[in-house]
C-alpha atoms as a PDB file:
ATOM      1  CA  MET A   1     122.030  81.748  67.309  1.00  0.00           C
ATOM      2  CA  LEU A   2     123.585  79.339  69.950  1.00  0.00           C
ATOM      3  CA  PHE A   3     125.216  82.269  71.771  1.00  0.00           C
ATOM      4  CA  SER A   4     121.891  84.208  71.612  1.00  0.00           C
ATOM      5  CA  THR A   5     120.057  81.226  73.021  1.00  0.00           C
ATOM      6  CA  VAL A   6     122.546  80.743  75.875  1.00  0.00           C
ATOM      7  CA  PHE A   7     122.421  84.477  76.590  1.00  0.00           C
ATOM      8  CA  SER A   8     118.687  84.524  76.879  1.00  0.00           C
ATOM      9  CA  ALA A   9     118.592  81.582  79.086  1.00  0.00           C
ATOM     10  CA  ALA A  10     121.070  83.101  81.379  1.00  0.00           C
ATOM     11  CA  SER A  11     119.369  86.366  81.328  1.00  0.00           C
ATOM     12  CA  LEU A  12     116.103  84.535  82.352  1.00  0.00           C
ATOM     13  CA  LEU A  13     117.879  82.757  85.100  1.00  0.00           C
ATOM     14  CA  VAL A  14     119.256  86.138  86.484  1.00  0.00           C
ATOM     15  CA  ALA A  15     115.760  87.546  86.260  1.00  0.00           C
ATOM     16  CA  GLN A  16     114.303  84.656  88.262  1.00  0.00           C
ATOM     17  CA  VAL A  17     117.105  84.949  90.796  1.00  0.00           C
ATOM     18  CA  SER A  18     116.627  88.661  91.222  1.00  0.00           C
ATOM     19  CA  ALA A  19     112.911  88.133  91.605  1.00  0.00           C
ATOM     20  CA  HIS A  20     113.670  87.262  95.402  1.00  0.00           C
ATOM     21  CA  GLY A  21     113.241  89.930  98.112  1.00  0.00           C
ATOM     22  CA  ALA A  22     113.162  90.792 101.670  1.00  0.00           C
ATOM     23  CA  VAL A  23     111.659  93.463 103.976  1.00  0.00           C
ATOM     24  CA  THR A  24     113.895  96.366 103.680  1.00  0.00           C
ATOM     25  CA  SER A  25     111.971  99.073 105.708  1.00  0.00           C
ATOM     26  CA  TYR A  26     109.013  99.552 108.132  1.00  0.00           C
ATOM     27  CA  GLN A  27     106.465 102.228 108.640  1.00  0.00           C
ATOM     28  CA  ILE A  28     104.606 103.101 111.959  1.00  0.00           C
ATOM     29  CA  GLY A  29     102.602 106.034 111.755  1.00  0.00           C
ATOM     30  CA  THR A  30     104.506 108.743 109.657  1.00  0.00           C
ATOM     31  CA  THR A  31     107.968 107.350 110.803  1.00  0.00           C
ATOM     32  CA  ILE A  32     110.034 105.311 108.376  1.00  0.00           C
ATOM     33  CA  TYR A  33     112.511 102.840 109.902  1.00  0.00           C
ATOM     34  CA  GLN A  34     115.009 101.647 107.338  1.00  0.00           C
ATOM     35  CA  GLY A  35     116.193  97.976 107.252  1.00  0.00           C
ATOM     36  CA  TYR A  36     118.889  96.185 105.229  1.00  0.00           C
ATOM     37  CA  GLN A  37     119.007  96.217 101.476  1.00  0.00           C
ATOM     38  CA  GLY A  38     120.359  94.038  98.749  1.00  0.00           C
ATOM     39  CA  TYR A  39     122.088  90.620  98.289  1.00  0.00           C
ATOM     40  CA  SER A  40     124.920  91.379 100.742  1.00  0.00           C
ATOM     41  CA  PRO A  41     123.400  93.492 103.516  1.00  0.00           C
ATOM     42  CA  SER A  42     126.686  93.843 105.419  1.00  0.00           C
ATOM     43  CA  SER A  43     126.106  97.334 106.580  1.00  0.00           C
ATOM     44  CA  SER A  44     123.261  99.690 107.294  1.00  0.00           C
ATOM     45  CA  PRO A  45     122.577 102.691 109.490  1.00  0.00           C
ATOM     46  CA  ALA A  46     121.486 101.572 113.067  1.00  0.00           C
ATOM     47  CA  SER A  47     118.191  99.661 112.455  1.00  0.00           C
ATOM     48  CA  ILE A  48     115.141  98.098 114.296  1.00  0.00           C
ATOM     49  CA  GLN A  49     115.637  95.202 111.919  1.00  0.00           C
ATOM     50  CA  ARG A  50     117.606  92.136 112.861  1.00  0.00           C
ATOM     51  CA  GLN A  51     120.341  91.838 110.122  1.00  0.00           C
ATOM     52  CA  TRP A  52     119.438  89.024 107.793  1.00  0.00           C
ATOM     53  CA  THR A  53     122.456  87.162 106.408  1.00  0.00           C
ATOM     54  CA  ASP A  54     121.825  85.750 102.951  1.00  0.00           C
ATOM     55  CA  GLY A  55     120.511  88.621 101.022  1.00  0.00           C
ATOM     56  CA  TYR A  56     117.310  88.203  98.919  1.00  0.00           C
ATOM     57  CA  ASN A  57     117.933  84.453  98.692  1.00  0.00           C
ATOM     58  CA  PRO A  58     115.109  82.051  99.902  1.00  0.00           C
ATOM     59  CA  ILE A  59     115.249  79.460 102.640  1.00  0.00           C
ATOM     60  CA  THR A  60     114.154  76.197 101.122  1.00  0.00           C
ATOM     61  CA  SER A  61     113.605  74.031 104.246  1.00  0.00           C
ATOM     62  CA  VAL A  62     110.962  74.826 106.817  1.00  0.00           C
ATOM     63  CA  THR A  63     113.004  73.185 109.374  1.00  0.00           C
ATOM     64  CA  SER A  64     116.192  75.365 108.824  1.00  0.00           C
ATOM     65  CA  ALA A  65     117.483  77.254 111.806  1.00  0.00           C
ATOM     66  CA  LYS A  66     117.355  80.470 109.608  1.00  0.00           C
ATOM     67  CA  MET A  67     113.658  80.205 109.563  1.00  0.00           C
ATOM     68  CA  LEU A  68     113.749  82.116 112.804  1.00  0.00           C
ATOM     69  CA  CYS A  69     114.838  85.512 111.497  1.00  0.00           C
ATOM     70  CA  ASN A  70     116.655  84.704 108.169  1.00  0.00           C
ATOM     71  CA  GLY A  71     119.823  84.534 110.086  1.00  0.00           C
ATOM     72  CA  GLY A  72     119.282  87.855 112.166  1.00  0.00           C
ATOM     73  CA  THR A  73     120.234  87.561 115.729  1.00  0.00           C
ATOM     74  CA  SER A  74     120.228  91.296 116.804  1.00  0.00           C
ATOM     75  CA  ALA A  75     119.474  94.842 116.173  1.00  0.00           C
ATOM     76  CA  ALA A  76     120.806  98.179 117.491  1.00  0.00           C
ATOM     77  CA  LEU A  77     117.259  99.791 117.876  1.00  0.00           C
ATOM     78  CA  SER A  78     113.717  99.142 118.572  1.00  0.00           C
ATOM     79  CA  ALA A  79     110.612 101.063 117.449  1.00  0.00           C
ATOM     80  CA  PRO A  80     107.855 102.354 119.816  1.00  0.00           C
ATOM     81  CA  ILE A  81     104.203 101.286 118.849  1.00  0.00           C
ATOM     82  CA  VAL A  82     101.000 101.479 120.682  1.00  0.00           C
ATOM     83  CA  ALA A  83      98.871  98.298 120.653  1.00  0.00           C
ATOM     84  CA  GLY A  84      95.868  98.627 118.320  1.00  0.00           C
ATOM     85  CA  ASN A  85      98.026 100.807 115.750  1.00  0.00           C
ATOM     86  CA  THR A  86      99.401  99.532 112.470  1.00  0.00           C
ATOM     87  CA  ILE A  87     102.824  98.627 111.125  1.00  0.00           C
ATOM     88  CA  THR A  88     103.609  98.419 107.380  1.00  0.00           C
ATOM     89  CA  ALA A  89     106.509  96.337 106.191  1.00  0.00           C
ATOM     90  CA  LYS A  90     107.969  97.319 102.872  1.00  0.00           C
ATOM     91  CA  TRP A  91     109.949  95.438 100.236  1.00  0.00           C
ATOM     92  CA  ALA A  92     112.306  96.899  97.727  1.00  0.00           C
ATOM     93  CA  GLN A  93     111.474  94.099  95.263  1.00  0.00           C
ATOM     94  CA  TRP A  94     109.203  91.191  95.076  1.00  0.00           C
ATOM     95  CA  THR A  95     107.763  89.455  92.048  1.00  0.00           C
ATOM     96  CA  HIS A  96     106.180  86.054  93.179  1.00  0.00           C
ATOM     97  CA  GLN A  97     102.506  86.067  93.123  1.00  0.00           C
ATOM     98  CA  GLN A  98     101.480  82.732  94.747  1.00  0.00           C
ATOM     99  CA  GLY A  99     101.822  82.055  98.336  1.00  0.00           C
ATOM    100  CA  PRO A 100     100.814  83.468 101.727  1.00  0.00           C
ATOM    101  CA  VAL A 101     101.970  86.305 103.894  1.00  0.00           C
ATOM    102  CA  MET A 102     102.072  85.623 107.625  1.00  0.00           C
ATOM    103  CA  VAL A 103     102.935  88.018 110.307  1.00  0.00           C
ATOM    104  CA  TRP A 104     104.220  86.696 113.800  1.00  0.00           C
ATOM    105  CA  MET A 105     105.217  88.229 117.120  1.00  0.00           C
ATOM    106  CA  TYR A 106     107.168  86.890 120.105  1.00  0.00           C
ATOM    107  CA  LYS A 107     107.315  88.486 123.526  1.00  0.00           C
ATOM    108  CA  CYS A 108     110.829  88.892 124.986  1.00  0.00           C
ATOM    109  CA  ALA A 109     111.336  88.031 128.654  1.00  0.00           C
ATOM    110  CA  GLY A 110     113.450  91.181 129.174  1.00  0.00           C
ATOM    111  CA  GLU A 111     115.931  93.196 127.056  1.00  0.00           C
ATOM    112  CA  PHE A 112     116.258  92.543 123.253  1.00  0.00           C
ATOM    113  CA  THR A 113     119.922  91.671 123.828  1.00  0.00           C
ATOM    114  CA  ALA A 114     118.871  88.551 125.581  1.00  0.00           C
ATOM    115  CA  CYS A 115     115.850  87.782 123.225  1.00  0.00           C
ATOM    116  CA  ASP A 116     116.854  84.981 120.856  1.00  0.00           C
ATOM    117  CA  GLY A 117     113.240  84.142 119.718  1.00  0.00           C
ATOM    118  CA  LYS A 118     113.704  80.533 120.629  1.00  0.00           C
ATOM    119  CA  GLY A 119     111.075  78.407 122.435  1.00  0.00           C
ATOM    120  CA  LYS A 120     107.256  78.144 122.091  1.00  0.00           C
ATOM    121  CA  GLY A 121     106.384  81.805 122.149  1.00  0.00           C
ATOM    122  CA  TRP A 122     105.744  82.685 118.562  1.00  0.00           C
ATOM    123  CA  PHE A 123     102.008  83.578 117.570  1.00  0.00           C
ATOM    124  CA  LYS A 124     100.467  84.896 114.482  1.00  0.00           C
ATOM    125  CA  ILE A 125      98.751  88.307 114.542  1.00  0.00           C
ATOM    126  CA  ASP A 126      97.854  88.245 110.674  1.00  0.00           C
ATOM    127  CA  GLN A 127      97.936  86.310 107.531  1.00  0.00           C
ATOM    128  CA  MET A 128      96.552  86.200 104.083  1.00  0.00           C
ATOM    129  CA  GLY A 129      96.612  82.975 102.136  1.00  0.00           C
ATOM    130  CA  MET A 130      94.518  82.281  98.957  1.00  0.00           C
ATOM    131  CA  THR A 131      91.330  84.310  98.732  1.00  0.00           C
ATOM    132  CA  ALA A 132      89.876  82.849  95.643  1.00  0.00           C
ATOM    133  CA  ALA A 133      90.770  79.738  93.435  1.00  0.00           C
ATOM    134  CA  PRO A 134      92.667  78.620  91.427  1.00  0.00           C
ATOM    135  CA  LEU A 135      96.010  78.008  93.228  1.00  0.00           C
ATOM    136  CA  SER A 136      97.772  79.125  90.143  1.00  0.00           C
ATOM    137  CA  GLY A 137      96.110  82.510  90.121  1.00  0.00           C
ATOM    138  CA  THR A 138      96.798  85.812  91.776  1.00  0.00           C
ATOM    139  CA  SER A 139      94.378  85.850  94.705  1.00  0.00           C
ATOM    140  CA  TRP A 140      97.063  85.538  97.200  1.00  0.00           C
ATOM    141  CA  GLY A 141      98.749  87.482 100.082  1.00  0.00           C
ATOM    142  CA  ALA A 142     101.929  87.421  98.198  1.00  0.00           C
ATOM    143  CA  ASN A 143     100.284  89.193  95.302  1.00  0.00           C
ATOM    144  CA  VAL A 144      99.315  92.010  97.636  1.00  0.00           C
ATOM    145  CA  VAL A 145     103.089  92.402  98.118  1.00  0.00           C
ATOM    146  CA  TYR A 146     103.855  91.940  94.474  1.00  0.00           C
ATOM    147  CA  THR A 147     101.379  94.793  93.643  1.00  0.00           C
ATOM    148  CA  LYS A 148     101.937  97.224  96.619  1.00  0.00           C
ATOM    149  CA  LEU A 149     105.517  96.103  97.886  1.00  0.00           C
ATOM    150  CA  ALA A 150     104.075  96.590 101.304  1.00  0.00           C
ATOM    151  CA  TYR A 151     101.761  94.829 103.806  1.00  0.00           C
ATOM    152  CA  THR A 152     100.058  96.478 106.764  1.00  0.00           C
ATOM    153  CA  SER A 153      99.028  94.697 109.962  1.00  0.00           C
ATOM    154  CA  THR A 154      97.419  95.843 113.156  1.00  0.00           C
ATOM    155  CA  ILE A 155      99.073  95.051 116.562  1.00  0.00           C
ATOM    156  CA  PRO A 156      96.136  93.311 118.639  1.00  0.00           C
ATOM    157  CA  LYS A 157      94.918  96.241 120.837  1.00  0.00           C
ATOM    158  CA  SER A 158      94.673  93.979 123.943  1.00  0.00           C
ATOM    159  CA  LEU A 159      98.227  92.790 123.746  1.00  0.00           C
ATOM    160  CA  ALA A 160     100.054  93.289 126.896  1.00  0.00           C
ATOM    161  CA  PRO A 161     102.882  95.873 126.779  1.00  0.00           C
ATOM    162  CA  GLY A 162     106.601  94.679 126.426  1.00  0.00           C
ATOM    163  CA  ASN A 163     109.560  94.082 124.175  1.00  0.00           C
ATOM    164  CA  TYR A 164     108.543  92.032 121.133  1.00  0.00           C
ATOM    165  CA  LEU A 165     110.060  90.696 117.873  1.00  0.00           C
ATOM    166  CA  ILE A 166     107.783  91.011 114.784  1.00  0.00           C
ATOM    167  CA  ARG A 167     108.492  88.607 112.014  1.00  0.00           C
ATOM    168  CA  HIS A 168     107.103  88.993 108.488  1.00  0.00           C
ATOM    169  CA  GLU A 169     107.109  85.913 106.378  1.00  0.00           C
ATOM    170  CA  LEU A 170     106.408  85.221 102.705  1.00  0.00           C
ATOM    171  CA  LEU A 171     106.188  81.828 101.698  1.00  0.00           C
ATOM    172  CA  ALA A 172     106.416  81.651  97.848  1.00  0.00           C
ATOM    173  CA  LEU A 173     104.774  78.642  96.131  1.00  0.00           C
ATOM    174  CA  HIS A 174     105.277  79.522  92.491  1.00  0.00           C
ATOM    175  CA  GLN A 175     107.443  76.460  91.957  1.00  0.00           C
ATOM    176  CA  ALA A 176     105.585  73.014  92.198  1.00  0.00           C
ATOM    177  CA  ASN A 177     106.417  71.270  95.540  1.00  0.00           C
ATOM    178  CA  ALA A 178     109.491  73.711  96.181  1.00  0.00           C
ATOM    179  CA  PRO A 179     108.503  76.144  98.895  1.00  0.00           C
ATOM    180  CA  GLN A 180     110.646  79.212  99.368  1.00  0.00           C
ATOM    181  CA  PHE A 181     110.557  81.110 102.666  1.00  0.00           C
ATOM    182  CA  TYR A 182     111.506  84.785 103.156  1.00  0.00           C
ATOM    183  CA  PRO A 183     111.231  85.803 106.866  1.00  0.00           C
ATOM    184  CA  GLU A 184     112.774  89.123 108.506  1.00  0.00           C
ATOM    185  CA  CYS A 185     112.397  90.311 112.171  1.00  0.00           C
ATOM    186  CA  ALA A 186     112.298  93.650 113.883  1.00  0.00           C
ATOM    187  CA  GLN A 187     112.078  94.897 117.317  1.00  0.00           C
ATOM    188  CA  LEU A 188     109.065  96.504 118.697  1.00  0.00           C
ATOM    189  CA  GLN A 189     108.443  98.222 122.043  1.00  0.00           C
ATOM    190  CA  VAL A 190     104.688  97.773 122.528  1.00  0.00           C
ATOM    191  CA  SER A 191     102.763 100.097 124.994  1.00  0.00           C
ATOM    192  CA  GLY A 192      99.192 100.440 125.732  1.00  0.00           C
ATOM    193  CA  ASN A 193      96.530  99.422 128.281  1.00  0.00           C
ATOM    194  CA  GLY A 194      96.282  95.800 127.188  1.00  0.00           C
ATOM    195  CA  THR A 195      96.728  92.791 129.480  1.00  0.00           C
ATOM    196  CA  ALA A 196      96.257  89.949 127.190  1.00  0.00           C
ATOM    197  CA  THR A 197      98.679  87.105 126.088  1.00  0.00           C
ATOM    198  CA  PRO A 198      97.883  84.367 123.528  1.00  0.00           C
ATOM    199  CA  ALA A 199      96.761  80.977 124.959  1.00  0.00           C
ATOM    200  CA  ALA A 200      98.984  77.985 124.421  1.00  0.00           C
ATOM    201  CA  THR A 201      96.985  76.813 121.288  1.00  0.00           C
ATOM    202  CA  PHE A 202      98.118  79.866 119.481  1.00  0.00           C
ATOM    203  CA  LEU A 203     101.802  79.471 120.343  1.00  0.00           C
ATOM    204  CA  THR A 204     104.597  77.610 118.450  1.00  0.00           C
ATOM    205  CA  THR A 205     108.309  77.577 117.819  1.00  0.00           C
ATOM    206  CA  ILE A 206     110.156  78.706 114.801  1.00  0.00           C
ATOM    207  CA  PRO A 207     111.297  76.577 113.239  1.00  0.00           C
ATOM    208  CA  GLY A 208     108.685  73.893 114.247  1.00  0.00           C
ATOM    209  CA  TYR A 209     105.532  75.507 113.240  1.00  0.00           C
ATOM    210  CA  ALA A 210     105.180  73.100 110.190  1.00  0.00           C
ATOM    211  CA  THR A 211     106.831  70.029 108.671  1.00  0.00           C
ATOM    212  CA  ALA A 212     108.246  69.686 105.278  1.00  0.00           C
ATOM    213  CA  ASN A 213     105.050  67.740 104.202  1.00  0.00           C
ATOM    214  CA  ASP A 214     102.554  70.122 105.709  1.00  0.00           C
ATOM    215  CA  PRO A 215      99.847  70.649 102.925  1.00  0.00           C
ATOM    216  CA  GLY A 216     100.219  74.439 103.336  1.00  0.00           C
ATOM    217  CA  VAL A 217     104.136  73.966 102.593  1.00  0.00           C
ATOM    218  CA  MET A 218     104.264  71.343  99.936  1.00  0.00           C
ATOM    219  CA  VAL A 219     102.027  72.543  97.209  1.00  0.00           C
ATOM    220  CA  ASP A 220     101.794  72.089  93.541  1.00  0.00           C
ATOM    221  CA  THR A 221      99.861  75.345  92.528  1.00  0.00           C
ATOM    222  CA  TYR A 222      99.547  74.168  88.810  1.00  0.00           C
ATOM    223  CA  MET A 223      98.569  70.557  88.923  1.00  0.00           C
ATOM    224  CA  SER A 224      96.724  70.404  92.182  1.00  0.00           C
ATOM    225  CA  LYS A 225      92.766  70.510  91.893  1.00  0.00           C
ATOM    226  CA  ALA A 226      92.449  71.834  95.226  1.00  0.00           C
ATOM    227  CA  THR A 227      90.174  75.068  95.500  1.00  0.00           C
ATOM    228  CA  THR A 228      91.155  76.029  99.040  1.00  0.00           C
ATOM    229  CA  TYR A 229      94.328  76.701 100.843  1.00  0.00           C
ATOM    230  CA  THR A 230      95.164  76.774 104.655  1.00  0.00           C
ATOM    231  CA  CYS A 231      98.229  78.522 105.919  1.00  0.00           C
ATOM    232  CA  PRO A 232     100.648  76.558 107.865  1.00  0.00           C
ATOM    233  CA  GLY A 233     100.946  76.923 111.673  1.00  0.00           C
ATOM    234  CA  PRO A 234      98.468  77.959 114.191  1.00  0.00           C
ATOM    235  CA  ALA A 235      95.504  80.215 113.925  1.00  0.00           C
ATOM    236  CA  VAL A 236      95.864  84.071 113.958  1.00  0.00           C
ATOM    237  CA  TRP A 237      95.599  85.566 117.458  1.00  0.00           C
ATOM    238  CA  THR A 238      93.487  88.720 117.312  1.00  0.00           C
ATOM    239  CA  GLY A 239      93.340  89.486 121.082  1.00  0.00           C
END
């Protein structure tokens, strides 16, 4: 009986750990761009995705340097996209239902090889937090990913052309006051007739867009009486 209990507990722990996830591919139009896979994504075909370094494991500090691109610093390829079109991020696995999805972009000053994503240049183009109470329910952006293993966003039509990083972030809030961050980045070549860039009020650094005590980060989804939720960081820029 003791062995059975220990085995069951161990099995539950493994199941909880394996519940983590990461963006593993992208779709633009009918084209699929493969990313990295698994807990030790040491190799992959040439990809538009910046190689994340710690598998499906979460980042647990909003001030960690890994918040930038989950440790990813470079990618061999980039994907073309016309401003106004959509990009779909896809996950091979995801089982957390509480928490927001946030989609960020960063304009590179030149070539991707010299683009480190540092400085106050990150802006949101999309997000979905809690759409209906309670906090412990399933009306969350993370539940969209849980259900579809995909999340689609539109590149603002007025966005000026250039080389950009796009960063998909899941903030899992299923454990009380123990946020888990799952960000991945990819490289996009944006074209179109747009001329707009976000105003300074929409820009931030990563890490740096929130503190550890931000009410959108430090959340008790089970004991809190709050009926609304505000995603951390600046407002979404729609162009």
